[in-house]
Amino acid sequence: MKNNTVVVLGGAGLVGSLISRILKQYGYNIKTVDQRSGGVESDYYEVEVTNPFSNTEHIFRNAMAVVFALPESVAIRAIPWVIQSVSADVVLMPTCSVQRPFYNALKAASPNQQFVGINPMFSPKLSVQGRTVAICVEDSDAPKTFIEQNLMEAGMKIRRMTPATHDELMALCQALPHAAILGFGMALAKSSVDLAVVEEVMPPPMRTMMALLSRLLVNPPEVYWDIQLENDQACHQREALAQGMERLMADVNDRDYECFRSDLQTISNSLGKLVNTGAVDCQHIFSLLN
């Protein structure tokens, strides 16, 4: 394979390691750039990407793509360093949870630079089979890129969208549920109830919420911070969540069952057929919580 080098910034992290493993199995030469090796088996360069040492151009020699497996703010700050060392036909591929800020910064610095955003819709710790990866491109009708082809061959599903559409969707699919889970956790932390008793008696909905909260807590907090802070659409979802809680409190305080029932019907109508598929998913989850 000619010119098959891919540089992965943050390649020792979970997402960077995932992308590296997938590309290596299809014969790509991977160069890992990180502050720690993390046991990587590919060429490794210890570099602080926001303050790189001089004479680093050799890292990008013969690169066909550069993956930015970094937090949003760090990825954006690394753009000037990378574009001064690569040509415009080298593809820059951020794995950020929020894509539009990187895209805008890149196009402001290098309007003709090739861009493909990658956002796995699952934890890298899970099996990739059947999982969906959001791919951000400028033109959804453009031919499939090499990364899309490789992800599909590895068993994943691809969903293309623009960076702006991606961020609006992620505000709903990531920022909103994470905010609800965090709010639940903050309420739980204020409770005076003995959590040992809670663990003994909690029904499946509570166990599910505890599992979601715990999964969030064992991961790096900056992941969830970036999702809330960097996506300018996320504030609208947090406001909608707060308004929903205010509506519920008003229904209960007013003892207005009819309004409560109407609100549930409105939600059901908006979900349509997803109500039935979601109920089946929930039954499956609850059946596992014995």
C-alpha atoms as a PDB file:
ATOM      1  CA  MET A   1       0.000   0.000   0.000  1.00  0.00           C
ATOM      2  CA  LYS A   2       1.570   3.262  -1.141  1.00  0.00           C
ATOM      3  CA  ASN A   3       1.589   6.263   1.195  1.00  0.00           C
ATOM      4  CA  ASN A   4      -0.213   4.321   3.899  1.00  0.00           C
ATOM      5  CA  THR A   5       1.026   6.176   6.984  1.00  0.00           C
ATOM      6  CA  VAL A   6      -1.545   7.484   9.471  1.00  0.00           C
ATOM      7  CA  VAL A   7      -0.438   9.673  12.375  1.00  0.00           C
ATOM      8  CA  VAL A   8      -2.621   9.324  15.470  1.00  0.00           C
ATOM      9  CA  LEU A   9      -2.384  12.205  17.933  1.00  0.00           C
ATOM     10  CA  GLY A  10      -3.437  10.933  21.342  1.00  0.00           C
ATOM     11  CA  GLY A  11      -2.906   7.431  20.044  1.00  0.00           C
ATOM     12  CA  ALA A  12      -2.295   5.943  23.499  1.00  0.00           C
ATOM     13  CA  GLY A  13      -5.812   6.846  24.641  1.00  0.00           C
ATOM     14  CA  LEU A  14      -8.924   4.684  24.299  1.00  0.00           C
ATOM     15  CA  VAL A  15     -10.270   6.175  21.072  1.00  0.00           C
ATOM     16  CA  GLY A  16      -6.844   6.619  19.525  1.00  0.00           C
ATOM     17  CA  SER A  17      -5.961   3.018  20.326  1.00  0.00           C
ATOM     18  CA  LEU A  18      -9.235   1.834  18.789  1.00  0.00           C
ATOM     19  CA  ILE A  19      -8.613   3.669  15.514  1.00  0.00           C
ATOM     20  CA  SER A  20      -5.005   2.477  15.449  1.00  0.00           C
ATOM     21  CA  ARG A  21      -5.955  -1.173  15.957  1.00  0.00           C
ATOM     22  CA  ILE A  22      -8.519  -1.069  13.182  1.00  0.00           C
ATOM     23  CA  LEU A  23      -6.193   0.581  10.675  1.00  0.00           C
ATOM     24  CA  LYS A  24      -3.238  -1.661  11.557  1.00  0.00           C
ATOM     25  CA  GLN A  25      -5.244  -4.767  10.732  1.00  0.00           C
ATOM     26  CA  TYR A  26      -5.745  -3.387   7.222  1.00  0.00           C
ATOM     27  CA  GLY A  27      -2.043  -2.783   6.666  1.00  0.00           C
ATOM     28  CA  TYR A  28      -1.631   0.888   7.543  1.00  0.00           C
ATOM     29  CA  ASN A  29       1.581   2.173   9.094  1.00  0.00           C
ATOM     30  CA  ILE A  30       0.606   3.856  12.359  1.00  0.00           C
ATOM     31  CA  LYS A  31       2.633   6.575  14.062  1.00  0.00           C
ATOM     32  CA  THR A  32       1.480   7.280  17.605  1.00  0.00           C
ATOM     33  CA  VAL A  33       1.959  10.742  19.114  1.00  0.00           C
ATOM     34  CA  ASP A  34       1.185  11.084  22.815  1.00  0.00           C
ATOM     35  CA  GLN A  35       2.615  12.196  26.155  1.00  0.00           C
ATOM     36  CA  ARG A  36       2.667   8.560  27.240  1.00  0.00           C
ATOM     37  CA  SER A  37       3.280   5.367  25.331  1.00  0.00           C
ATOM     38  CA  GLY A  38       0.412   3.401  26.853  1.00  0.00           C
ATOM     39  CA  GLY A  39       2.072   0.217  25.634  1.00  0.00           C
ATOM     40  CA  VAL A  40       1.563   1.066  21.956  1.00  0.00           C
ATOM     41  CA  GLU A  41       3.257  -1.256  19.499  1.00  0.00           C
ATOM     42  CA  SER A  42       3.562   1.209  16.606  1.00  0.00           C
ATOM     43  CA  ASP A  43       6.115   3.989  16.089  1.00  0.00           C
ATOM     44  CA  TYR A  44       5.819   6.210  19.146  1.00  0.00           C
ATOM     45  CA  TYR A  45       6.686   9.894  19.559  1.00  0.00           C
ATOM     46  CA  GLU A  46       6.452  11.557  22.959  1.00  0.00           C
ATOM     47  CA  VAL A  47       5.188  15.039  22.131  1.00  0.00           C
ATOM     48  CA  GLU A  48       2.983  17.624  23.848  1.00  0.00           C
ATOM     49  CA  VAL A  49       0.817  18.518  20.845  1.00  0.00           C
ATOM     50  CA  THR A  50      -0.041  22.016  22.067  1.00  0.00           C
ATOM     51  CA  ASN A  51       3.622  22.813  22.672  1.00  0.00           C
ATOM     52  CA  PRO A  52       5.647  20.573  20.355  1.00  0.00           C
ATOM     53  CA  PHE A  53       9.403  20.731  20.191  1.00  0.00           C
ATOM     54  CA  SER A  54      11.073  21.953  17.008  1.00  0.00           C
ATOM     55  CA  ASN A  55      11.937  19.777  14.018  1.00  0.00           C
ATOM     56  CA  THR A  56       8.902  17.512  14.241  1.00  0.00           C
ATOM     57  CA  GLU A  57       8.082  17.570  10.532  1.00  0.00           C
ATOM     58  CA  HIS A  58       9.489  14.055  10.116  1.00  0.00           C
ATOM     59  CA  ILE A  59       6.605  12.673  12.157  1.00  0.00           C
ATOM     60  CA  PHE A  60       4.223  13.545   9.330  1.00  0.00           C
ATOM     61  CA  ARG A  61       6.436  12.400   6.452  1.00  0.00           C
ATOM     62  CA  ASN A  62       4.403  10.353   3.922  1.00  0.00           C
ATOM     63  CA  ALA A  63       1.236  10.720   6.022  1.00  0.00           C
ATOM     64  CA  MET A  64      -2.064  10.280   4.209  1.00  0.00           C
ATOM     65  CA  ALA A  65      -4.104  11.220   7.292  1.00  0.00           C
ATOM     66  CA  VAL A  66      -3.756  12.621  10.803  1.00  0.00           C
ATOM     67  CA  VAL A  67      -6.203  11.467  13.491  1.00  0.00           C
ATOM     68  CA  PHE A  68      -6.853  13.934  16.328  1.00  0.00           C
ATOM     69  CA  ALA A  69      -7.915  11.572  19.150  1.00  0.00           C
ATOM     70  CA  LEU A  70      -7.868  14.487  21.588  1.00  0.00           C
ATOM     71  CA  PRO A  71     -10.283  16.636  23.607  1.00  0.00           C
ATOM     72  CA  GLU A  72     -11.865  19.394  21.534  1.00  0.00           C
ATOM     73  CA  SER A  73      -9.846  22.310  22.920  1.00  0.00           C
ATOM     74  CA  VAL A  74      -6.555  20.430  22.628  1.00  0.00           C
ATOM     75  CA  ALA A  75      -7.331  19.217  19.104  1.00  0.00           C
ATOM     76  CA  ILE A  76      -8.057  22.762  17.933  1.00  0.00           C
ATOM     77  CA  ARG A  77      -4.837  24.084  19.474  1.00  0.00           C
ATOM     78  CA  ALA A  78      -2.875  21.380  17.650  1.00  0.00           C
ATOM     79  CA  ILE A  79      -4.177  22.370  14.193  1.00  0.00           C
ATOM     80  CA  PRO A  80      -1.511  25.021  13.398  1.00  0.00           C
ATOM     81  CA  TRP A  81       1.303  22.591  14.250  1.00  0.00           C
ATOM     82  CA  VAL A  82      -0.090  19.901  11.975  1.00  0.00           C
ATOM     83  CA  ILE A  83      -1.026  21.974   8.928  1.00  0.00           C
ATOM     84  CA  GLN A  84       2.426  23.541   8.742  1.00  0.00           C
ATOM     85  CA  SER A  85       3.847  20.032   8.274  1.00  0.00           C
ATOM     86  CA  VAL A  86       1.346  18.458   5.847  1.00  0.00           C
ATOM     87  CA  SER A  87      -0.053  19.216   2.413  1.00  0.00           C
ATOM     88  CA  ALA A  88      -3.702  20.115   1.806  1.00  0.00           C
ATOM     89  CA  ASP A  89      -4.546  16.638   0.507  1.00  0.00           C
ATOM     90  CA  VAL A  90      -3.687  15.010   3.844  1.00  0.00           C
ATOM     91  CA  VAL A  91      -6.947  14.213   5.642  1.00  0.00           C
ATOM     92  CA  LEU A  92      -7.384  15.621   9.159  1.00  0.00           C
ATOM     93  CA  MET A  93      -9.699  13.412  11.201  1.00  0.00           C
ATOM     94  CA  PRO A  94     -10.855  14.600  14.642  1.00  0.00           C
ATOM     95  CA  THR A  95     -12.615  12.098  16.904  1.00  0.00           C
ATOM     96  CA  CYS A  96     -14.141  14.890  18.989  1.00  0.00           C
ATOM     97  CA  SER A  97     -17.564  14.554  20.620  1.00  0.00           C
ATOM     98  CA  VAL A  98     -18.237  18.019  19.184  1.00  0.00           C
ATOM     99  CA  GLN A  99     -17.107  18.475  15.595  1.00  0.00           C
ATOM    100  CA  ARG A 100     -18.070  21.926  14.362  1.00  0.00           C
ATOM    101  CA  PRO A 101     -15.542  23.971  16.419  1.00  0.00           C
ATOM    102  CA  PHE A 102     -12.665  21.878  15.023  1.00  0.00           C
ATOM    103  CA  TYR A 103     -14.055  22.060  11.501  1.00  0.00           C
ATOM    104  CA  ASN A 104     -14.474  25.849  11.664  1.00  0.00           C
ATOM    105  CA  ALA A 105     -10.974  26.353  13.097  1.00  0.00           C
ATOM    106  CA  LEU A 106      -9.453  24.096  10.440  1.00  0.00           C
ATOM    107  CA  LYS A 107     -11.184  25.831   7.542  1.00  0.00           C
ATOM    108  CA  ALA A 108     -10.194  29.238   8.906  1.00  0.00           C
ATOM    109  CA  ALA A 109      -6.561  28.148   9.033  1.00  0.00           C
ATOM    110  CA  SER A 110      -6.448  26.001   5.873  1.00  0.00           C
ATOM    111  CA  PRO A 111      -9.597  26.319   3.713  1.00  0.00           C
ATOM    112  CA  ASN A 112      -8.596  23.546   1.293  1.00  0.00           C
ATOM    113  CA  GLN A 113      -7.530  21.011   3.902  1.00  0.00           C
ATOM    114  CA  GLN A 114      -9.233  17.621   3.642  1.00  0.00           C
ATOM    115  CA  PHE A 115     -11.518  16.825   6.601  1.00  0.00           C
ATOM    116  CA  VAL A 116     -13.339  13.739   7.881  1.00  0.00           C
ATOM    117  CA  GLY A 117     -14.671  13.689  11.438  1.00  0.00           C
ATOM    118  CA  ILE A 118     -15.042  10.405  13.336  1.00  0.00           C
ATOM    119  CA  ASN A 119     -17.182   9.911  16.442  1.00  0.00           C
ATOM    120  CA  PRO A 120     -17.777   6.337  17.650  1.00  0.00           C
ATOM    121  CA  MET A 121     -21.234   6.094  19.212  1.00  0.00           C
ATOM    122  CA  PHE A 122     -19.985   3.594  21.781  1.00  0.00           C
ATOM    123  CA  SER A 123     -17.244   3.108  24.345  1.00  0.00           C
ATOM    124  CA  PRO A 124     -13.986   1.806  22.843  1.00  0.00           C
ATOM    125  CA  LYS A 125     -14.063  -0.822  25.604  1.00  0.00           C
ATOM    126  CA  LEU A 126     -17.037  -2.518  23.911  1.00  0.00           C
ATOM    127  CA  SER A 127     -17.058  -4.829  20.916  1.00  0.00           C
ATOM    128  CA  VAL A 128     -17.181  -2.881  17.653  1.00  0.00           C
ATOM    129  CA  GLN A 129     -19.469  -5.361  15.896  1.00  0.00           C
ATOM    130  CA  GLY A 130     -22.704  -3.726  14.775  1.00  0.00           C
ATOM    131  CA  ARG A 131     -21.846  -0.409  16.455  1.00  0.00           C
ATOM    132  CA  THR A 132     -22.475   2.906  14.755  1.00  0.00           C
ATOM    133  CA  VAL A 133     -19.832   5.516  13.973  1.00  0.00           C
ATOM    134  CA  ALA A 134     -20.856   9.063  13.065  1.00  0.00           C
ATOM    135  CA  ILE A 135     -18.807  10.358  10.140  1.00  0.00           C
ATOM    136  CA  CYS A 136     -18.645  14.102   9.499  1.00  0.00           C
ATOM    137  CA  VAL A 137     -18.017  15.209   5.923  1.00  0.00           C
ATOM    138  CA  GLU A 138     -18.567  18.393   3.992  1.00  0.00           C
ATOM    139  CA  ASP A 139     -20.385  16.636   1.138  1.00  0.00           C
ATOM    140  CA  SER A 140     -22.550  13.654   2.053  1.00  0.00           C
ATOM    141  CA  ASP A 141     -22.583  12.561  -1.619  1.00  0.00           C
ATOM    142  CA  ALA A 142     -18.789  12.347  -1.869  1.00  0.00           C
ATOM    143  CA  PRO A 143     -17.238   8.894  -2.424  1.00  0.00           C
ATOM    144  CA  LYS A 144     -16.547   6.781   0.647  1.00  0.00           C
ATOM    145  CA  THR A 145     -13.286   7.632   2.361  1.00  0.00           C
ATOM    146  CA  PHE A 146     -10.712   5.014   3.317  1.00  0.00           C
ATOM    147  CA  ILE A 147     -11.617   5.265   7.009  1.00  0.00           C
ATOM    148  CA  GLU A 148     -15.294   4.637   6.305  1.00  0.00           C
ATOM    149  CA  GLN A 149     -14.468   1.599   4.224  1.00  0.00           C
ATOM    150  CA  ASN A 150     -12.186   0.181   6.901  1.00  0.00           C
ATOM    151  CA  LEU A 151     -14.671   0.795   9.714  1.00  0.00           C
ATOM    152  CA  MET A 152     -17.377  -0.984   7.729  1.00  0.00           C
ATOM    153  CA  GLU A 153     -15.094  -3.908   6.939  1.00  0.00           C
ATOM    154  CA  ALA A 154     -14.348  -4.192  10.668  1.00  0.00           C
ATOM    155  CA  GLY A 155     -18.077  -4.670  11.337  1.00  0.00           C
ATOM    156  CA  MET A 156     -19.282  -1.172  12.168  1.00  0.00           C
ATOM    157  CA  LYS A 157     -22.122   0.869  10.736  1.00  0.00           C
ATOM    158  CA  ILE A 158     -21.512   4.312   9.237  1.00  0.00           C
ATOM    159  CA  ARG A 159     -23.828   7.321   9.422  1.00  0.00           C
ATOM    160  CA  ARG A 160     -22.727  10.390   7.456  1.00  0.00           C
ATOM    161  CA  MET A 161     -23.621  13.953   8.410  1.00  0.00           C
ATOM    162  CA  THR A 162     -22.232  17.486   8.329  1.00  0.00           C
ATOM    163  CA  PRO A 163     -20.361  18.831  11.383  1.00  0.00           C
ATOM    164  CA  ALA A 164     -23.285  21.157  12.203  1.00  0.00           C
ATOM    165  CA  THR A 165     -25.834  18.336  11.994  1.00  0.00           C
ATOM    166  CA  HIS A 166     -23.560  16.148  14.096  1.00  0.00           C
ATOM    167  CA  ASP A 167     -23.368  18.667  16.930  1.00  0.00           C
ATOM    168  CA  GLU A 168     -27.124  19.259  16.964  1.00  0.00           C
ATOM    169  CA  LEU A 169     -27.715  15.503  17.076  1.00  0.00           C
ATOM    170  CA  MET A 170     -25.096  14.952  19.783  1.00  0.00           C
ATOM    171  CA  ALA A 171     -26.655  17.644  21.963  1.00  0.00           C
ATOM    172  CA  LEU A 172     -29.786  15.498  21.990  1.00  0.00           C
ATOM    173  CA  CYS A 173     -28.187  12.036  22.060  1.00  0.00           C
ATOM    174  CA  GLN A 174     -25.260  12.720  24.391  1.00  0.00           C
ATOM    175  CA  ALA A 175     -25.530  16.036  26.249  1.00  0.00           C
ATOM    176  CA  LEU A 176     -29.184  15.548  27.220  1.00  0.00           C
ATOM    177  CA  PRO A 177     -28.952  12.012  28.677  1.00  0.00           C
ATOM    178  CA  HIS A 178     -25.639  12.781  30.357  1.00  0.00           C
ATOM    179  CA  ALA A 179     -27.172  15.867  31.974  1.00  0.00           C
ATOM    180  CA  ALA A 180     -30.127  13.804  33.204  1.00  0.00           C
ATOM    181  CA  ILE A 181     -27.781  11.153  34.625  1.00  0.00           C
ATOM    182  CA  LEU A 182     -25.598  13.778  36.311  1.00  0.00           C
ATOM    183  CA  GLY A 183     -28.666  15.452  37.801  1.00  0.00           C
ATOM    184  CA  PHE A 184     -29.765  12.087  39.163  1.00  0.00           C
ATOM    185  CA  GLY A 185     -26.316  11.600  40.678  1.00  0.00           C
ATOM    186  CA  MET A 186     -26.330  15.017  42.322  1.00  0.00           C
ATOM    187  CA  ALA A 187     -29.749  14.291  43.859  1.00  0.00           C
ATOM    188  CA  LEU A 188     -28.544  10.886  45.016  1.00  0.00           C
ATOM    189  CA  ALA A 189     -25.459  12.394  46.669  1.00  0.00           C
ATOM    190  CA  LYS A 190     -27.692  14.675  48.756  1.00  0.00           C
ATOM    191  CA  SER A 191     -29.845  11.819  50.030  1.00  0.00           C
ATOM    192  CA  SER A 192     -29.546  10.784  53.687  1.00  0.00           C
ATOM    193  CA  VAL A 193     -30.779   7.254  52.945  1.00  0.00           C
ATOM    194  CA  ASP A 194     -28.322   4.451  53.661  1.00  0.00           C
ATOM    195  CA  LEU A 195     -26.995   3.394  50.253  1.00  0.00           C
ATOM    196  CA  ALA A 196     -26.391  -0.118  51.554  1.00  0.00           C
ATOM    197  CA  VAL A 197     -30.151  -0.441  51.993  1.00  0.00           C
ATOM    198  CA  VAL A 198     -30.716   1.148  48.581  1.00  0.00           C
ATOM    199  CA  GLU A 199     -28.442  -1.462  47.002  1.00  0.00           C
ATOM    200  CA  GLU A 200     -30.406  -4.247  48.666  1.00  0.00           C
ATOM    201  CA  VAL A 201     -33.893  -3.166  47.625  1.00  0.00           C
ATOM    202  CA  MET A 202     -33.536  -1.026  44.488  1.00  0.00           C
ATOM    203  CA  PRO A 203     -35.870  -2.067  41.635  1.00  0.00           C
ATOM    204  CA  PRO A 204     -34.685  -2.362  38.004  1.00  0.00           C
ATOM    205  CA  PRO A 205     -35.225   1.315  37.042  1.00  0.00           C
ATOM    206  CA  MET A 206     -33.076   2.446  39.962  1.00  0.00           C
ATOM    207  CA  ARG A 207     -30.436  -0.193  39.179  1.00  0.00           C
ATOM    208  CA  THR A 208     -30.374   0.961  35.572  1.00  0.00           C
ATOM    209  CA  MET A 209     -29.886   4.583  36.580  1.00  0.00           C
ATOM    210  CA  MET A 210     -27.181   3.572  39.058  1.00  0.00           C
ATOM    211  CA  ALA A 211     -25.441   1.608  36.309  1.00  0.00           C
ATOM    212  CA  LEU A 212     -25.552   4.589  33.931  1.00  0.00           C
ATOM    213  CA  LEU A 213     -24.248   6.921  36.626  1.00  0.00           C
ATOM    214  CA  SER A 214     -21.488   4.523  37.622  1.00  0.00           C
ATOM    215  CA  ARG A 215     -20.398   4.025  34.012  1.00  0.00           C
ATOM    216  CA  LEU A 216     -20.046   7.789  33.705  1.00  0.00           C
ATOM    217  CA  LEU A 217     -18.128   8.092  36.972  1.00  0.00           C
ATOM    218  CA  VAL A 218     -15.467   5.500  36.091  1.00  0.00           C
ATOM    219  CA  ASN A 219     -14.585   7.305  32.853  1.00  0.00           C
ATOM    220  CA  PRO A 220     -12.471  10.498  32.610  1.00  0.00           C
ATOM    221  CA  PRO A 221     -14.590  13.532  33.612  1.00  0.00           C
ATOM    222  CA  GLU A 222     -13.157  15.650  30.784  1.00  0.00           C
ATOM    223  CA  VAL A 223     -15.065  13.503  28.262  1.00  0.00           C
ATOM    224  CA  TYR A 224     -18.412  14.560  29.718  1.00  0.00           C
ATOM    225  CA  TRP A 225     -17.263  18.100  30.425  1.00  0.00           C
ATOM    226  CA  ASP A 226     -16.356  18.604  26.772  1.00  0.00           C
ATOM    227  CA  ILE A 227     -19.751  17.281  25.670  1.00  0.00           C
ATOM    228  CA  GLN A 228     -21.535  19.823  27.886  1.00  0.00           C
ATOM    229  CA  LEU A 229     -19.170  22.774  27.413  1.00  0.00           C
ATOM    230  CA  GLU A 230     -18.022  22.650  23.798  1.00  0.00           C
ATOM    231  CA  ASN A 231     -21.358  21.948  22.092  1.00  0.00           C
ATOM    232  CA  ASP A 232     -23.223  25.229  21.797  1.00  0.00           C
ATOM    233  CA  GLN A 233     -26.459  23.279  21.282  1.00  0.00           C
ATOM    234  CA  ALA A 234     -26.151  21.495  24.636  1.00  0.00           C
ATOM    235  CA  CYS A 235     -27.432  24.464  26.650  1.00  0.00           C
ATOM    236  CA  HIS A 236     -30.796  24.232  24.869  1.00  0.00           C
ATOM    237  CA  GLN A 237     -31.142  20.589  25.882  1.00  0.00           C
ATOM    238  CA  ARG A 238     -30.235  21.334  29.515  1.00  0.00           C
ATOM    239  CA  GLU A 239     -32.814  24.118  29.539  1.00  0.00           C
ATOM    240  CA  ALA A 240     -35.431  21.764  28.079  1.00  0.00           C
ATOM    241  CA  LEU A 241     -34.567  19.182  30.751  1.00  0.00           C
ATOM    242  CA  ALA A 242     -34.938  21.774  33.518  1.00  0.00           C
ATOM    243  CA  GLN A 243     -38.253  22.924  32.043  1.00  0.00           C
ATOM    244  CA  GLY A 244     -39.451  19.334  31.988  1.00  0.00           C
ATOM    245  CA  MET A 245     -38.693  18.955  35.684  1.00  0.00           C
ATOM    246  CA  GLU A 246     -40.448  22.230  36.432  1.00  0.00           C
ATOM    247  CA  ARG A 247     -43.484  20.991  34.516  1.00  0.00           C
ATOM    248  CA  LEU A 248     -43.536  17.745  36.506  1.00  0.00           C
ATOM    249  CA  MET A 249     -43.221  19.643  39.786  1.00  0.00           C
ATOM    250  CA  ALA A 250     -46.097  21.926  38.783  1.00  0.00           C
ATOM    251  CA  ASP A 251     -48.326  18.969  37.861  1.00  0.00           C
ATOM    252  CA  VAL A 252     -47.674  17.287  41.212  1.00  0.00           C
ATOM    253  CA  ASN A 253     -47.917  20.467  43.285  1.00  0.00           C
ATOM    254  CA  ASP A 254     -51.247  21.285  41.621  1.00  0.00           C
ATOM    255  CA  ARG A 255     -52.424  17.673  41.983  1.00  0.00           C
ATOM    256  CA  ASP A 256     -53.290  17.895  38.296  1.00  0.00           C
ATOM    257  CA  TYR A 257     -53.424  14.291  37.137  1.00  0.00           C
ATOM    258  CA  GLU A 258     -55.111  15.196  33.854  1.00  0.00           C
ATOM    259  CA  CYS A 259     -52.266  17.525  32.932  1.00  0.00           C
ATOM    260  CA  PHE A 260     -49.754  14.840  33.931  1.00  0.00           C
ATOM    261  CA  ARG A 261     -51.512  12.254  31.776  1.00  0.00           C
ATOM    262  CA  SER A 262     -51.680  14.709  28.884  1.00  0.00           C
ATOM    263  CA  ASP A 263     -47.951  15.388  29.177  1.00  0.00           C
ATOM    264  CA  LEU A 264     -47.208  11.657  28.993  1.00  0.00           C
ATOM    265  CA  GLN A 265     -49.454  11.303  25.943  1.00  0.00           C
ATOM    266  CA  THR A 266     -47.632  14.203  24.266  1.00  0.00           C
ATOM    267  CA  ILE A 267     -44.318  12.455  24.876  1.00  0.00           C
ATOM    268  CA  SER A 268     -45.698   9.167  23.564  1.00  0.00           C
ATOM    269  CA  ASN A 269     -47.033  10.839  20.429  1.00  0.00           C
ATOM    270  CA  SER A 270     -43.666  12.460  19.736  1.00  0.00           C
ATOM    271  CA  LEU A 271     -41.831   9.128  20.062  1.00  0.00           C
ATOM    272  CA  GLY A 272     -44.201   7.220  17.793  1.00  0.00           C
ATOM    273  CA  LYS A 273     -43.010   3.675  17.078  1.00  0.00           C
ATOM    274  CA  LEU A 274     -39.932   4.201  19.258  1.00  0.00           C
ATOM    275  CA  VAL A 275     -42.168   3.650  22.292  1.00  0.00           C
ATOM    276  CA  ASN A 276     -42.629  -0.023  21.422  1.00  0.00           C
ATOM    277  CA  THR A 277     -38.989  -0.662  20.468  1.00  0.00           C
ATOM    278  CA  GLY A 278     -37.816   1.182  23.573  1.00  0.00           C
ATOM    279  CA  ALA A 279     -40.138  -0.840  25.793  1.00  0.00           C
ATOM    280  CA  VAL A 280     -38.691  -4.059  24.353  1.00  0.00           C
ATOM    281  CA  ASP A 281     -35.144  -2.793  24.986  1.00  0.00           C
ATOM    282  CA  CYS A 282     -36.073  -1.911  28.554  1.00  0.00           C
ATOM    283  CA  GLN A 283     -37.603  -5.331  29.166  1.00  0.00           C
ATOM    284  CA  HIS A 284     -34.401  -6.923  27.906  1.00  0.00           C
ATOM    285  CA  ILE A 285     -32.268  -4.751  30.191  1.00  0.00           C
ATOM    286  CA  PHE A 286     -34.470  -5.404  33.211  1.00  0.00           C
ATOM    287  CA  SER A 287     -34.385  -9.159  32.571  1.00  0.00           C
ATOM    288  CA  LEU A 288     -30.597  -9.015  32.992  1.00  0.00           C
ATOM    289  CA  LEU A 289     -30.839  -7.269  36.366  1.00  0.00           C
ATOM    290  CA  ASN A 290     -31.630 -10.230  38.578  1.00  0.00           C
END
